[in-house]
N, C-alpha and C. Protein backbone atom coordinates (compact mmCIF):
# COMPACT_ATOMS: atom_id res chain seq x y z
N MET A 1 153.08 57.29 86.15
CA MET A 1 152.38 57.66 84.93
C MET A 1 150.93 58.05 85.22
N LYS A 2 150.29 57.22 86.07
CA LYS A 2 148.90 57.52 86.43
C LYS A 2 148.81 58.83 87.17
N LEU A 3 149.78 59.09 88.07
CA LEU A 3 149.79 60.34 88.83
C LEU A 3 149.95 61.53 87.89
N ALA A 4 150.82 61.40 86.92
CA ALA A 4 151.03 62.47 85.95
C ALA A 4 149.77 62.74 85.15
N SER A 5 149.06 61.67 84.78
CA SER A 5 147.82 61.82 84.02
C SER A 5 146.78 62.57 84.84
N LYS A 6 146.71 62.27 86.12
CA LYS A 6 145.76 62.95 86.99
C LYS A 6 146.06 64.45 87.07
N TRP A 7 147.35 64.78 87.16
CA TRP A 7 147.74 66.19 87.22
C TRP A 7 147.40 66.91 85.91
N VAL A 8 147.58 66.23 84.79
CA VAL A 8 147.24 66.82 83.49
C VAL A 8 145.75 67.10 83.41
N ILE A 9 144.94 66.15 83.87
CA ILE A 9 143.49 66.33 83.85
C ILE A 9 143.09 67.47 84.77
N LEU A 10 143.69 67.52 85.96
CA LEU A 10 143.36 68.58 86.92
C LEU A 10 143.72 69.96 86.36
N LEU A 11 144.90 70.08 85.75
CA LEU A 11 145.32 71.35 85.17
C LEU A 11 144.39 71.75 84.02
N TYR A 12 143.95 70.77 83.25
CA TYR A 12 143.02 71.05 82.14
C TYR A 12 141.70 71.59 82.67
N LEU A 13 141.18 70.97 83.73
CA LEU A 13 139.92 71.42 84.31
C LEU A 13 140.06 72.82 84.88
N LEU A 14 141.17 73.07 85.56
CA LEU A 14 141.38 74.39 86.14
C LEU A 14 141.53 75.46 85.06
N SER A 15 142.16 75.11 83.96
CA SER A 15 142.32 76.09 82.88
C SER A 15 140.98 76.44 82.26
N CYS A 16 140.06 75.49 82.28
CA CYS A 16 138.74 75.74 81.72
C CYS A 16 137.84 76.48 82.69
N SER A 17 138.26 76.65 83.92
CA SER A 17 137.40 77.27 84.93
C SER A 17 137.84 78.67 85.30
N THR A 18 138.77 79.22 84.52
CA THR A 18 139.26 80.55 84.88
C THR A 18 138.16 81.58 84.85
N ALA A 19 137.16 81.39 83.98
CA ALA A 19 136.05 82.35 83.91
C ALA A 19 135.06 82.13 85.04
N VAL A 20 135.16 81.00 85.74
CA VAL A 20 134.26 80.60 86.81
C VAL A 20 132.83 81.06 86.52
N ALA A 21 132.35 80.65 85.37
CA ALA A 21 131.02 81.06 84.94
C ALA A 21 130.17 79.83 84.65
N GLN A 22 128.88 80.07 84.54
CA GLN A 22 127.96 78.98 84.26
C GLN A 22 128.17 78.46 82.84
N GLU A 23 127.61 77.29 82.59
CA GLU A 23 127.80 76.63 81.30
C GLU A 23 127.20 77.45 80.15
N TYR A 24 126.06 78.08 80.40
CA TYR A 24 125.39 78.88 79.38
C TYR A 24 125.39 80.35 79.78
N LYS A 25 125.51 81.22 78.79
CA LYS A 25 125.61 82.65 79.05
C LYS A 25 124.29 83.29 79.43
N TYR A 26 123.19 82.84 78.81
CA TYR A 26 121.94 83.58 78.89
C TYR A 26 120.78 82.71 79.38
N GLU A 27 119.75 83.40 79.86
CA GLU A 27 118.48 82.76 80.23
C GLU A 27 117.33 83.63 79.72
N ILE A 28 116.26 82.98 79.36
CA ILE A 28 115.04 83.71 79.01
C ILE A 28 113.86 82.94 79.58
N GLY A 29 112.82 83.65 79.99
CA GLY A 29 111.69 82.97 80.57
C GLY A 29 110.58 83.92 80.98
N GLY A 30 109.66 83.39 81.74
CA GLY A 30 108.52 84.18 82.18
C GLY A 30 108.33 84.10 83.68
N MET A 31 107.53 85.03 84.19
CA MET A 31 107.24 85.05 85.63
C MET A 31 105.78 85.40 85.84
N ALA A 32 105.23 84.89 86.91
CA ALA A 32 103.83 85.15 87.25
C ALA A 32 103.70 85.23 88.76
N GLY A 33 102.78 86.06 89.22
CA GLY A 33 102.60 86.21 90.66
C GLY A 33 101.60 87.29 90.98
N MET A 34 101.98 88.18 91.89
CA MET A 34 101.04 89.21 92.32
C MET A 34 101.77 90.50 92.65
N ALA A 35 101.00 91.60 92.61
CA ALA A 35 101.52 92.93 92.91
C ALA A 35 100.66 93.57 93.98
N MET A 36 101.29 94.37 94.85
CA MET A 36 100.62 95.03 95.96
C MET A 36 101.04 96.48 96.03
N TYR A 37 100.07 97.37 96.24
CA TYR A 37 100.33 98.81 96.33
C TYR A 37 100.65 99.21 97.76
N MET A 38 101.58 100.19 97.89
CA MET A 38 101.84 100.84 99.18
C MET A 38 101.93 102.35 98.93
N GLY A 39 101.24 103.12 99.78
CA GLY A 39 101.22 104.57 99.62
C GLY A 39 100.33 105.19 100.67
N ASP A 40 99.67 106.28 100.33
CA ASP A 40 98.84 106.97 101.31
C ASP A 40 97.70 106.10 101.83
N ALA A 41 97.18 105.22 100.97
CA ALA A 41 96.06 104.37 101.38
C ALA A 41 96.52 103.06 102.01
N ASN A 42 97.81 102.79 102.05
CA ASN A 42 98.35 101.59 102.69
C ASN A 42 99.81 101.85 103.01
N GLN A 43 100.13 102.14 104.25
CA GLN A 43 101.48 102.51 104.64
C GLN A 43 102.22 101.44 105.43
N VAL A 44 101.57 100.35 105.77
CA VAL A 44 102.22 99.37 106.65
C VAL A 44 102.17 97.93 106.16
N SER A 45 101.17 97.56 105.36
CA SER A 45 101.00 96.16 104.98
C SER A 45 101.66 95.86 103.65
N PHE A 46 102.55 94.86 103.62
CA PHE A 46 103.28 94.51 102.41
C PHE A 46 102.50 93.57 101.49
N PHE A 47 101.39 92.99 101.97
CA PHE A 47 100.64 92.05 101.16
C PHE A 47 99.16 92.42 101.05
N GLN A 48 98.80 93.64 101.35
CA GLN A 48 97.40 94.05 101.35
C GLN A 48 96.91 94.30 99.92
N GLY A 49 95.71 93.82 99.62
CA GLY A 49 95.07 94.11 98.34
C GLY A 49 95.85 93.64 97.13
N TRP A 50 96.30 92.39 97.11
CA TRP A 50 97.12 91.92 96.00
C TRP A 50 96.29 91.68 94.76
N ASP A 51 96.92 91.85 93.60
CA ASP A 51 96.33 91.63 92.29
C ASP A 51 97.31 90.85 91.43
N PRO A 52 96.85 90.20 90.35
CA PRO A 52 97.75 89.41 89.51
C PRO A 52 98.76 90.28 88.76
N ALA A 53 99.92 89.70 88.51
CA ALA A 53 100.99 90.37 87.77
C ALA A 53 101.83 89.31 87.08
N GLY A 54 102.59 89.72 86.07
CA GLY A 54 103.44 88.78 85.35
C GLY A 54 104.43 89.53 84.48
N GLY A 55 105.25 88.78 83.73
CA GLY A 55 106.21 89.43 82.87
C GLY A 55 107.16 88.46 82.21
N ILE A 56 108.14 89.01 81.50
CA ILE A 56 109.18 88.22 80.83
C ILE A 56 110.54 88.73 81.30
N ILE A 57 111.53 87.85 81.31
CA ILE A 57 112.86 88.22 81.79
C ILE A 57 113.93 87.68 80.85
N PHE A 58 115.02 88.40 80.78
CA PHE A 58 116.22 87.98 80.05
C PHE A 58 117.40 88.19 80.99
N ARG A 59 118.20 87.15 81.16
CA ARG A 59 119.30 87.22 82.13
C ARG A 59 120.63 86.89 81.46
N ASN A 60 121.65 87.66 81.77
CA ASN A 60 123.02 87.41 81.33
C ASN A 60 123.82 86.94 82.54
N ASN A 61 124.22 85.69 82.53
CA ASN A 61 124.97 85.11 83.65
C ASN A 61 126.45 85.45 83.49
N VAL A 62 126.90 86.43 84.25
CA VAL A 62 128.29 86.89 84.15
C VAL A 62 129.24 85.83 84.71
N ASN A 63 128.92 85.32 85.88
CA ASN A 63 129.69 84.24 86.50
C ASN A 63 128.80 83.53 87.50
N PHE A 64 129.38 82.70 88.35
CA PHE A 64 128.58 81.95 89.31
C PHE A 64 127.83 82.86 90.28
N ARG A 65 128.39 84.04 90.56
CA ARG A 65 127.83 84.91 91.60
C ARG A 65 126.96 86.03 91.06
N TRP A 66 127.28 86.55 89.88
CA TRP A 66 126.63 87.75 89.39
C TRP A 66 125.87 87.49 88.09
N ALA A 67 124.74 88.19 87.96
CA ALA A 67 123.96 88.15 86.72
C ALA A 67 123.33 89.51 86.49
N TRP A 68 123.21 89.87 85.22
CA TRP A 68 122.47 91.07 84.83
C TRP A 68 121.14 90.64 84.24
N GLU A 69 120.09 91.37 84.57
CA GLU A 69 118.77 90.98 84.09
C GLU A 69 118.01 92.18 83.54
N ALA A 70 117.31 91.96 82.42
CA ALA A 70 116.37 92.93 81.88
C ALA A 70 114.99 92.30 81.94
N ASP A 71 113.99 93.08 82.30
CA ASP A 71 112.65 92.50 82.44
C ASP A 71 111.57 93.50 82.03
N PHE A 72 110.46 92.94 81.62
CA PHE A 72 109.25 93.72 81.37
C PHE A 72 108.13 93.07 82.17
N SER A 73 107.45 93.85 83.00
CA SER A 73 106.38 93.31 83.82
C SER A 73 105.15 94.19 83.74
N LEU A 74 104.03 93.60 84.02
CA LEU A 74 102.77 94.32 84.05
C LEU A 74 101.88 93.71 85.12
N GLY A 75 100.97 94.51 85.62
CA GLY A 75 100.08 94.02 86.67
C GLY A 75 99.04 95.06 87.02
N ARG A 76 98.34 94.79 88.08
CA ARG A 76 97.28 95.67 88.55
C ARG A 76 97.47 95.90 90.04
N VAL A 77 97.19 97.12 90.50
CA VAL A 77 97.23 97.43 91.92
C VAL A 77 95.93 98.14 92.31
N ASN A 78 95.62 98.10 93.59
CA ASN A 78 94.44 98.79 94.07
C ASN A 78 94.70 99.31 95.48
N GLY A 79 93.97 100.34 95.86
CA GLY A 79 94.07 100.90 97.20
C GLY A 79 92.70 101.37 97.68
N ASP A 80 92.50 101.33 98.98
CA ASP A 80 91.21 101.71 99.56
C ASP A 80 91.46 102.32 100.93
N THR A 81 91.06 103.57 101.11
CA THR A 81 91.31 104.25 102.39
C THR A 81 90.48 103.66 103.52
N ARG A 82 89.51 102.84 103.21
CA ARG A 82 88.74 102.17 104.27
C ARG A 82 89.57 101.10 104.97
N ASN A 83 90.69 100.74 104.36
CA ASN A 83 91.57 99.72 104.96
C ASN A 83 92.70 100.33 105.78
N THR A 84 92.65 101.64 106.00
CA THR A 84 93.69 102.30 106.78
C THR A 84 93.06 103.14 107.88
N LYS A 85 93.82 103.36 108.94
CA LYS A 85 93.34 104.18 110.05
C LYS A 85 93.69 105.65 109.86
N ASN A 86 94.39 105.97 108.78
CA ASN A 86 94.74 107.36 108.52
C ASN A 86 93.49 108.21 108.31
N VAL A 87 93.54 109.44 108.77
CA VAL A 87 92.45 110.39 108.58
C VAL A 87 92.85 111.36 107.48
N PHE A 88 92.06 111.44 106.41
CA PHE A 88 92.36 112.31 105.28
C PHE A 88 91.53 113.58 105.39
N PRO A 89 92.17 114.74 105.40
CA PRO A 89 91.46 116.00 105.61
C PRO A 89 90.48 116.33 104.49
N ASP A 90 89.25 116.69 104.91
CA ASP A 90 88.23 117.19 103.98
C ASP A 90 87.86 116.20 102.88
N GLN A 91 88.09 114.92 103.13
CA GLN A 91 87.73 113.94 102.12
C GLN A 91 87.09 112.73 102.79
N GLY A 92 86.21 112.07 102.03
CA GLY A 92 85.61 110.84 102.52
C GLY A 92 86.49 109.66 102.18
N LYS A 93 85.94 108.49 102.30
CA LYS A 93 86.68 107.28 101.98
C LYS A 93 86.70 107.07 100.48
N VAL A 94 87.85 106.81 99.93
CA VAL A 94 87.99 106.64 98.48
C VAL A 94 88.77 105.38 98.18
N SER A 95 88.67 104.93 96.94
CA SER A 95 89.40 103.75 96.48
C SER A 95 89.83 103.98 95.03
N PHE A 96 90.80 103.20 94.59
CA PHE A 96 91.27 103.31 93.21
C PHE A 96 91.83 101.96 92.78
N SER A 97 91.99 101.80 91.49
CA SER A 97 92.71 100.67 90.92
C SER A 97 93.31 101.12 89.58
N ARG A 98 94.43 100.55 89.24
CA ARG A 98 95.05 100.89 87.95
C ARG A 98 96.03 99.80 87.54
N TYR A 99 96.29 99.75 86.24
CA TYR A 99 97.28 98.83 85.70
C TYR A 99 98.62 99.55 85.58
N PHE A 100 99.70 98.79 85.62
CA PHE A 100 101.02 99.37 85.45
C PHE A 100 101.86 98.50 84.52
N TYR A 101 102.84 99.14 83.89
CA TYR A 101 103.77 98.48 82.98
C TYR A 101 105.17 98.98 83.32
N THR A 102 106.09 98.04 83.52
CA THR A 102 107.44 98.42 83.96
C THR A 102 108.49 97.79 83.07
N LEU A 103 109.46 98.59 82.65
CA LEU A 103 110.63 98.13 81.92
C LEU A 103 111.84 98.45 82.79
N GLY A 104 112.62 97.42 83.11
CA GLY A 104 113.70 97.65 84.05
C GLY A 104 114.92 96.79 83.81
N GLY A 105 115.98 97.11 84.53
CA GLY A 105 117.20 96.33 84.53
C GLY A 105 117.73 96.24 85.95
N ARG A 106 118.48 95.20 86.23
CA ARG A 106 118.95 95.03 87.60
C ARG A 106 120.15 94.10 87.64
N ALA A 107 120.82 94.11 88.78
CA ALA A 107 121.91 93.19 89.06
C ALA A 107 121.45 92.19 90.12
N GLU A 108 121.94 90.96 90.00
CA GLU A 108 121.63 89.92 90.98
C GLU A 108 122.92 89.33 91.53
N PHE A 109 122.96 89.14 92.83
CA PHE A 109 124.11 88.53 93.48
C PHE A 109 123.69 87.24 94.14
N ASN A 110 124.27 86.12 93.71
CA ASN A 110 124.00 84.81 94.30
C ASN A 110 124.89 84.60 95.51
N PHE A 111 124.30 84.19 96.63
CA PHE A 111 125.09 83.94 97.82
C PHE A 111 125.94 82.68 97.70
N LEU A 112 125.54 81.76 96.82
CA LEU A 112 126.30 80.54 96.57
C LEU A 112 126.69 80.49 95.09
N PRO A 113 127.81 79.84 94.75
CA PRO A 113 128.19 79.72 93.34
C PRO A 113 127.17 78.85 92.60
N TYR A 114 126.35 79.47 91.78
CA TYR A 114 125.15 78.83 91.24
C TYR A 114 125.44 78.10 89.93
N SER A 115 125.32 76.78 89.96
CA SER A 115 125.47 75.96 88.76
C SER A 115 125.16 74.51 89.12
N ASP A 116 124.72 73.74 88.12
CA ASP A 116 124.53 72.31 88.34
C ASP A 116 125.69 71.50 87.79
N LYS A 117 126.75 72.19 87.39
CA LYS A 117 127.97 71.53 86.90
C LYS A 117 129.16 72.00 87.75
N PHE A 118 130.37 71.54 87.38
CA PHE A 118 131.62 71.99 87.99
C PHE A 118 131.63 71.78 89.52
N ALA A 119 131.34 70.56 89.93
CA ALA A 119 131.29 70.25 91.36
C ALA A 119 132.64 70.51 92.04
N TYR A 120 133.73 70.41 91.28
CA TYR A 120 135.05 70.64 91.86
C TYR A 120 135.25 72.09 92.28
N LEU A 121 134.33 72.99 91.84
CA LEU A 121 134.36 74.39 92.26
C LEU A 121 133.34 74.67 93.37
N ASN A 122 132.80 73.58 93.95
CA ASN A 122 131.83 73.71 95.06
C ASN A 122 130.58 74.50 94.66
N THR A 123 130.11 74.26 93.45
CA THR A 123 128.89 74.93 92.99
C THR A 123 127.66 74.34 93.66
N SER A 124 126.56 75.06 93.55
CA SER A 124 125.31 74.64 94.18
C SER A 124 124.15 74.79 93.21
N LYS A 125 123.24 73.83 93.20
CA LYS A 125 122.06 73.88 92.33
C LYS A 125 120.99 74.81 92.88
N ILE A 126 121.15 75.27 94.09
CA ILE A 126 120.19 76.18 94.70
C ILE A 126 120.96 77.32 95.38
N SER A 127 120.42 78.53 95.24
CA SER A 127 121.10 79.66 95.86
C SER A 127 120.12 80.79 96.14
N PRO A 128 120.16 81.36 97.34
CA PRO A 128 119.44 82.62 97.58
C PRO A 128 120.21 83.76 96.91
N TYR A 129 119.50 84.85 96.61
CA TYR A 129 120.16 85.97 95.95
C TYR A 129 119.52 87.29 96.33
N LEU A 130 120.28 88.37 96.14
CA LEU A 130 119.81 89.73 96.29
C LEU A 130 119.67 90.37 94.92
N LEU A 131 118.73 91.32 94.77
CA LEU A 131 118.59 92.04 93.52
C LEU A 131 118.43 93.53 93.79
N PHE A 132 118.96 94.33 92.89
CA PHE A 132 118.80 95.78 92.96
C PHE A 132 118.99 96.35 91.56
N GLY A 133 118.31 97.47 91.28
CA GLY A 133 118.42 98.02 89.95
C GLY A 133 117.60 99.28 89.76
N GLY A 134 117.03 99.44 88.56
CA GLY A 134 116.24 100.63 88.26
C GLY A 134 115.35 100.36 87.06
N GLY A 135 114.38 101.23 86.86
CA GLY A 135 113.47 101.06 85.74
C GLY A 135 112.51 102.22 85.61
N VAL A 136 111.61 102.10 84.67
CA VAL A 136 110.58 103.11 84.43
C VAL A 136 109.22 102.44 84.48
N THR A 137 108.28 103.04 85.21
CA THR A 137 106.94 102.51 85.35
C THR A 137 105.93 103.45 84.71
N LEU A 138 105.04 102.89 83.90
CA LEU A 138 103.96 103.62 83.26
C LEU A 138 102.65 103.07 83.81
N ALA A 139 101.79 103.96 84.33
CA ALA A 139 100.54 103.52 84.95
C ALA A 139 99.40 104.46 84.56
N PRO A 140 98.63 104.11 83.51
CA PRO A 140 97.47 104.92 83.16
C PRO A 140 96.32 104.63 84.12
N GLY A 141 95.41 105.61 84.29
CA GLY A 141 94.28 105.39 85.19
C GLY A 141 93.38 106.59 85.33
N ASN A 142 92.08 106.40 85.08
CA ASN A 142 91.08 107.45 85.24
C ASN A 142 91.46 108.74 84.50
N GLY A 143 91.96 108.56 83.29
CA GLY A 143 92.29 109.72 82.46
C GLY A 143 93.60 110.38 82.79
N GLU A 144 94.34 109.90 83.79
CA GLU A 144 95.63 110.49 84.15
C GLU A 144 96.69 109.39 84.20
N THR A 145 97.84 109.70 83.64
CA THR A 145 98.91 108.71 83.52
C THR A 145 100.08 109.09 84.43
N CYS A 146 100.56 108.08 85.15
CA CYS A 146 101.75 108.26 85.99
C CYS A 146 102.94 107.63 85.28
N ILE A 147 104.00 108.40 85.08
CA ILE A 147 105.26 107.90 84.55
C ILE A 147 106.34 108.21 85.59
N ALA A 148 107.00 107.17 86.10
CA ALA A 148 107.93 107.39 87.20
C ALA A 148 109.11 106.44 87.12
N ILE A 149 110.26 106.91 87.59
CA ILE A 149 111.42 106.05 87.78
C ILE A 149 111.17 105.19 89.02
N ASN A 150 111.53 103.92 88.95
CA ASN A 150 111.41 103.06 90.12
C ASN A 150 112.73 102.38 90.41
N VAL A 151 112.96 102.11 91.69
CA VAL A 151 114.18 101.42 92.14
C VAL A 151 113.76 100.16 92.88
N PRO A 152 114.00 98.98 92.28
CA PRO A 152 113.65 97.72 92.94
C PRO A 152 114.76 97.22 93.87
N LEU A 153 114.35 96.59 94.96
CA LEU A 153 115.26 95.93 95.89
C LEU A 153 114.56 94.70 96.42
N GLY A 154 115.21 93.55 96.36
CA GLY A 154 114.51 92.35 96.80
C GLY A 154 115.44 91.18 97.07
N VAL A 155 114.79 90.05 97.40
CA VAL A 155 115.48 88.80 97.69
C VAL A 155 114.76 87.68 96.96
N GLY A 156 115.49 86.61 96.70
CA GLY A 156 114.87 85.47 96.03
C GLY A 156 115.71 84.22 96.21
N VAL A 157 115.25 83.16 95.56
CA VAL A 157 115.99 81.90 95.57
C VAL A 157 115.85 81.27 94.18
N LYS A 158 116.96 80.70 93.68
CA LYS A 158 116.99 80.02 92.38
C LYS A 158 117.25 78.54 92.60
N TYR A 159 116.70 77.72 91.69
CA TYR A 159 116.93 76.27 91.78
C TYR A 159 116.97 75.69 90.38
N LYS A 160 118.03 74.94 90.08
CA LYS A 160 118.16 74.26 88.79
C LYS A 160 117.47 72.90 88.89
N ILE A 161 116.32 72.79 88.23
CA ILE A 161 115.58 71.54 88.30
C ILE A 161 116.16 70.48 87.38
N ARG A 162 116.81 70.92 86.31
CA ARG A 162 117.49 70.03 85.39
C ARG A 162 118.38 70.87 84.49
N ASN A 163 119.14 70.19 83.61
CA ASN A 163 120.06 70.91 82.73
C ASN A 163 119.31 71.97 81.92
N ARG A 164 119.73 73.24 82.04
CA ARG A 164 119.24 74.40 81.29
C ARG A 164 117.91 74.95 81.78
N TRP A 165 117.32 74.36 82.81
CA TRP A 165 116.03 74.85 83.32
C TRP A 165 116.17 75.30 84.77
N ASN A 166 115.57 76.47 85.06
CA ASN A 166 115.67 77.06 86.40
C ASN A 166 114.29 77.48 86.90
N LEU A 167 114.09 77.30 88.20
CA LEU A 167 112.92 77.83 88.89
C LEU A 167 113.37 78.96 89.81
N GLY A 168 112.50 79.94 90.00
CA GLY A 168 112.84 81.04 90.88
C GLY A 168 111.64 81.55 91.65
N LEU A 169 111.90 82.08 92.81
CA LEU A 169 110.87 82.71 93.63
C LEU A 169 111.49 83.95 94.25
N GLU A 170 110.86 85.12 94.06
CA GLU A 170 111.45 86.35 94.59
C GLU A 170 110.38 87.33 95.05
N TYR A 171 110.77 88.12 96.04
CA TYR A 171 109.92 89.21 96.54
C TYR A 171 110.73 90.49 96.45
N SER A 172 110.13 91.54 95.87
CA SER A 172 110.85 92.80 95.74
C SER A 172 109.93 93.98 96.00
N VAL A 173 110.51 95.05 96.51
CA VAL A 173 109.81 96.31 96.71
C VAL A 173 110.33 97.29 95.67
N HIS A 174 109.42 98.12 95.13
CA HIS A 174 109.77 99.05 94.07
C HIS A 174 109.46 100.47 94.55
N LYS A 175 110.50 101.24 94.79
CA LYS A 175 110.37 102.62 95.21
C LYS A 175 110.12 103.50 93.99
N LEU A 176 108.98 104.20 93.98
CA LEU A 176 108.65 105.10 92.88
C LEU A 176 108.99 106.54 93.25
N PHE A 177 109.62 107.24 92.33
CA PHE A 177 109.91 108.65 92.57
C PHE A 177 108.75 109.49 92.03
N SER A 178 107.58 109.21 92.58
CA SER A 178 106.35 109.91 92.21
C SER A 178 105.33 109.68 93.32
N ASP A 179 104.41 110.63 93.48
CA ASP A 179 103.33 110.46 94.45
C ASP A 179 101.98 110.41 93.75
N SER A 180 101.99 110.08 92.47
CA SER A 180 100.74 110.02 91.72
C SER A 180 100.42 108.61 91.23
N PHE A 181 101.09 107.60 91.82
CA PHE A 181 100.81 106.22 91.45
C PHE A 181 99.42 105.81 91.91
N ASP A 182 99.01 106.30 93.10
CA ASP A 182 97.65 106.03 93.56
C ASP A 182 96.72 106.98 92.81
N ALA A 183 96.13 106.44 91.75
CA ALA A 183 95.35 107.23 90.80
C ALA A 183 94.15 107.89 91.47
N PRO A 184 93.63 108.98 90.88
CA PRO A 184 92.40 109.58 91.42
C PRO A 184 91.23 108.63 91.29
N ASP A 185 90.30 108.72 92.24
CA ASP A 185 89.09 107.90 92.12
C ASP A 185 88.16 108.55 91.10
N LYS A 186 86.97 108.00 90.96
CA LYS A 186 86.05 108.47 89.93
C LYS A 186 85.61 109.91 90.17
N SER A 187 85.66 110.37 91.42
CA SER A 187 85.28 111.75 91.72
C SER A 187 86.40 112.74 91.40
N GLY A 188 87.60 112.21 91.10
CA GLY A 188 88.73 113.07 90.79
C GLY A 188 89.62 113.39 91.97
N PHE A 189 89.30 112.83 93.16
CA PHE A 189 90.11 113.08 94.34
C PHE A 189 91.46 112.40 94.23
N HIS A 190 92.54 113.15 94.46
CA HIS A 190 93.89 112.62 94.41
C HIS A 190 94.37 112.27 95.81
N LEU A 191 95.11 111.15 95.90
CA LEU A 191 95.73 110.79 97.17
C LEU A 191 97.13 111.36 97.30
N ASP A 192 97.62 112.04 96.27
CA ASP A 192 98.98 112.57 96.37
C ASP A 192 98.99 113.84 97.22
N ASN A 193 99.92 113.88 98.17
CA ASN A 193 100.13 115.04 99.04
C ASN A 193 98.85 115.49 99.73
N VAL A 194 98.12 114.53 100.33
CA VAL A 194 96.82 114.84 100.93
C VAL A 194 96.95 115.71 102.17
N TYR A 195 98.13 115.74 102.80
CA TYR A 195 98.29 116.53 104.03
C TYR A 195 98.93 117.89 103.75
N GLY A 196 99.19 118.19 102.48
CA GLY A 196 99.76 119.48 102.14
C GLY A 196 101.21 119.65 102.54
N VAL A 197 101.93 118.52 102.74
CA VAL A 197 103.35 118.57 103.09
C VAL A 197 104.16 118.52 101.80
N LYS A 198 105.10 119.42 101.67
CA LYS A 198 105.90 119.51 100.45
C LYS A 198 106.65 118.21 100.21
N ASN A 199 106.58 117.74 98.96
CA ASN A 199 107.26 116.51 98.60
C ASN A 199 108.77 116.69 98.67
N GLY A 200 109.46 115.61 99.06
CA GLY A 200 110.91 115.58 99.07
C GLY A 200 111.38 114.38 98.28
N LEU A 201 112.67 114.07 98.40
CA LEU A 201 113.22 112.95 97.65
C LEU A 201 112.54 111.64 98.03
N PHE A 202 112.24 111.45 99.32
CA PHE A 202 111.61 110.22 99.77
C PHE A 202 110.24 110.46 100.40
N LYS A 203 109.92 111.70 100.76
CA LYS A 203 108.63 111.98 101.40
C LYS A 203 107.49 111.93 100.38
N ASN A 204 106.35 111.38 100.79
CA ASN A 204 105.14 111.34 99.98
C ASN A 204 105.35 110.61 98.65
N LYS A 205 106.17 109.60 98.63
CA LYS A 205 106.36 108.80 97.43
C LYS A 205 105.65 107.47 97.58
N ASP A 206 105.28 106.88 96.44
CA ASP A 206 104.54 105.63 96.44
C ASP A 206 105.47 104.45 96.18
N TRP A 207 104.96 103.26 96.48
CA TRP A 207 105.67 102.01 96.28
C TRP A 207 104.72 100.99 95.68
N TYR A 208 105.28 99.94 95.08
CA TYR A 208 104.51 98.72 94.86
C TYR A 208 105.45 97.54 95.04
N ASN A 209 104.91 96.44 95.48
CA ASN A 209 105.68 95.24 95.79
C ASN A 209 105.23 94.11 94.88
N THR A 210 106.14 93.21 94.56
CA THR A 210 105.80 92.08 93.71
C THR A 210 106.33 90.78 94.32
N LEU A 211 105.57 89.73 94.11
CA LEU A 211 105.98 88.37 94.47
C LEU A 211 105.85 87.53 93.21
N PHE A 212 106.97 87.04 92.68
CA PHE A 212 106.97 86.36 91.39
C PHE A 212 107.56 84.96 91.50
N PHE A 213 106.93 84.04 90.78
CA PHE A 213 107.47 82.71 90.51
C PHE A 213 107.92 82.72 89.06
N SER A 214 109.12 82.23 88.77
CA SER A 214 109.66 82.29 87.42
C SER A 214 110.17 80.94 86.94
N VAL A 215 110.16 80.77 85.62
CA VAL A 215 110.75 79.62 84.94
C VAL A 215 111.61 80.15 83.82
N THR A 216 112.88 79.75 83.76
CA THR A 216 113.78 80.23 82.71
C THR A 216 114.50 79.07 82.05
N TRP A 217 114.90 79.32 80.79
CA TRP A 217 115.63 78.33 79.99
C TRP A 217 116.94 78.94 79.54
N GLU A 218 118.05 78.20 79.66
CA GLU A 218 119.38 78.71 79.35
C GLU A 218 119.76 78.42 77.90
N PHE A 219 120.55 79.34 77.32
CA PHE A 219 121.06 79.15 75.97
C PHE A 219 122.36 79.94 75.83
N GLY A 220 123.04 79.72 74.71
CA GLY A 220 124.31 80.42 74.47
C GLY A 220 125.46 79.74 75.16
N LEU A 221 125.83 78.54 74.70
CA LEU A 221 126.92 77.78 75.31
C LEU A 221 128.22 78.57 75.23
N ARG A 222 128.93 78.63 76.33
CA ARG A 222 130.19 79.39 76.36
C ARG A 222 131.27 78.68 75.52
N ASP A 223 132.03 79.46 74.78
CA ASP A 223 133.11 78.92 73.98
C ASP A 223 134.23 78.40 74.88
N GLY A 224 134.73 77.22 74.57
CA GLY A 224 135.84 76.67 75.33
C GLY A 224 135.47 76.15 76.69
N ARG A 225 134.16 76.05 76.99
CA ARG A 225 133.74 75.60 78.31
C ARG A 225 133.87 74.09 78.41
N CYS A 226 134.41 73.60 79.50
CA CYS A 226 134.49 72.17 79.77
C CYS A 226 133.15 71.72 80.30
N ALA A 227 132.19 71.51 79.44
CA ALA A 227 130.81 71.25 79.89
C ALA A 227 130.43 69.82 79.61
N THR A 228 129.59 69.30 80.48
CA THR A 228 129.01 67.97 80.27
C THR A 228 127.52 68.07 80.43
N ASN A 229 126.78 67.23 79.75
CA ASN A 229 125.32 67.25 79.83
C ASN A 229 124.81 66.26 80.86
């Protein structure tokens, strides 16, 4: 009788895990960190000239491995040709700074089945992850505005500190399909296409990188989920 009861319980748990998804469907929260420019004035350093950045995120947890995320971020970047060994033809040393605003969406893949529940499915409260997606960046500066599609690619780690609360740390690079992100300086000098080489799909394009710490809260309990608090 006891053996039969155990089998009934096991079958019940397995039936509730067919979706192999987290207890809650959604997350919302904020992120704060820094942003760094890469382009003609900085072609090699991933952390040079960092400025503050932040944003808000909304995540849809599809299952233990996959999540969809929408985010809005803003920050500031700066560049200075005095920090590079590149020689710019017919121009002196220049610098710039500008703010940017990005609206984007992306997919996240967890390397481990991410959850603080369902131990019988070998879930983990901590997991590294990959992210990739797309978005639009708006960057006004010195009377000229850059609007460009961006493609983010990055890595991070998530940790469930307690029920419904998550911490995250991620680093991502954002490829811009524009060469006008490095705004003109006060004299009007542009850093775009300074060598007179025709732009291509990847040639003479700018980047910016972000390092974010995030805190999110889960909501939207799944229907029929065998959940415990």
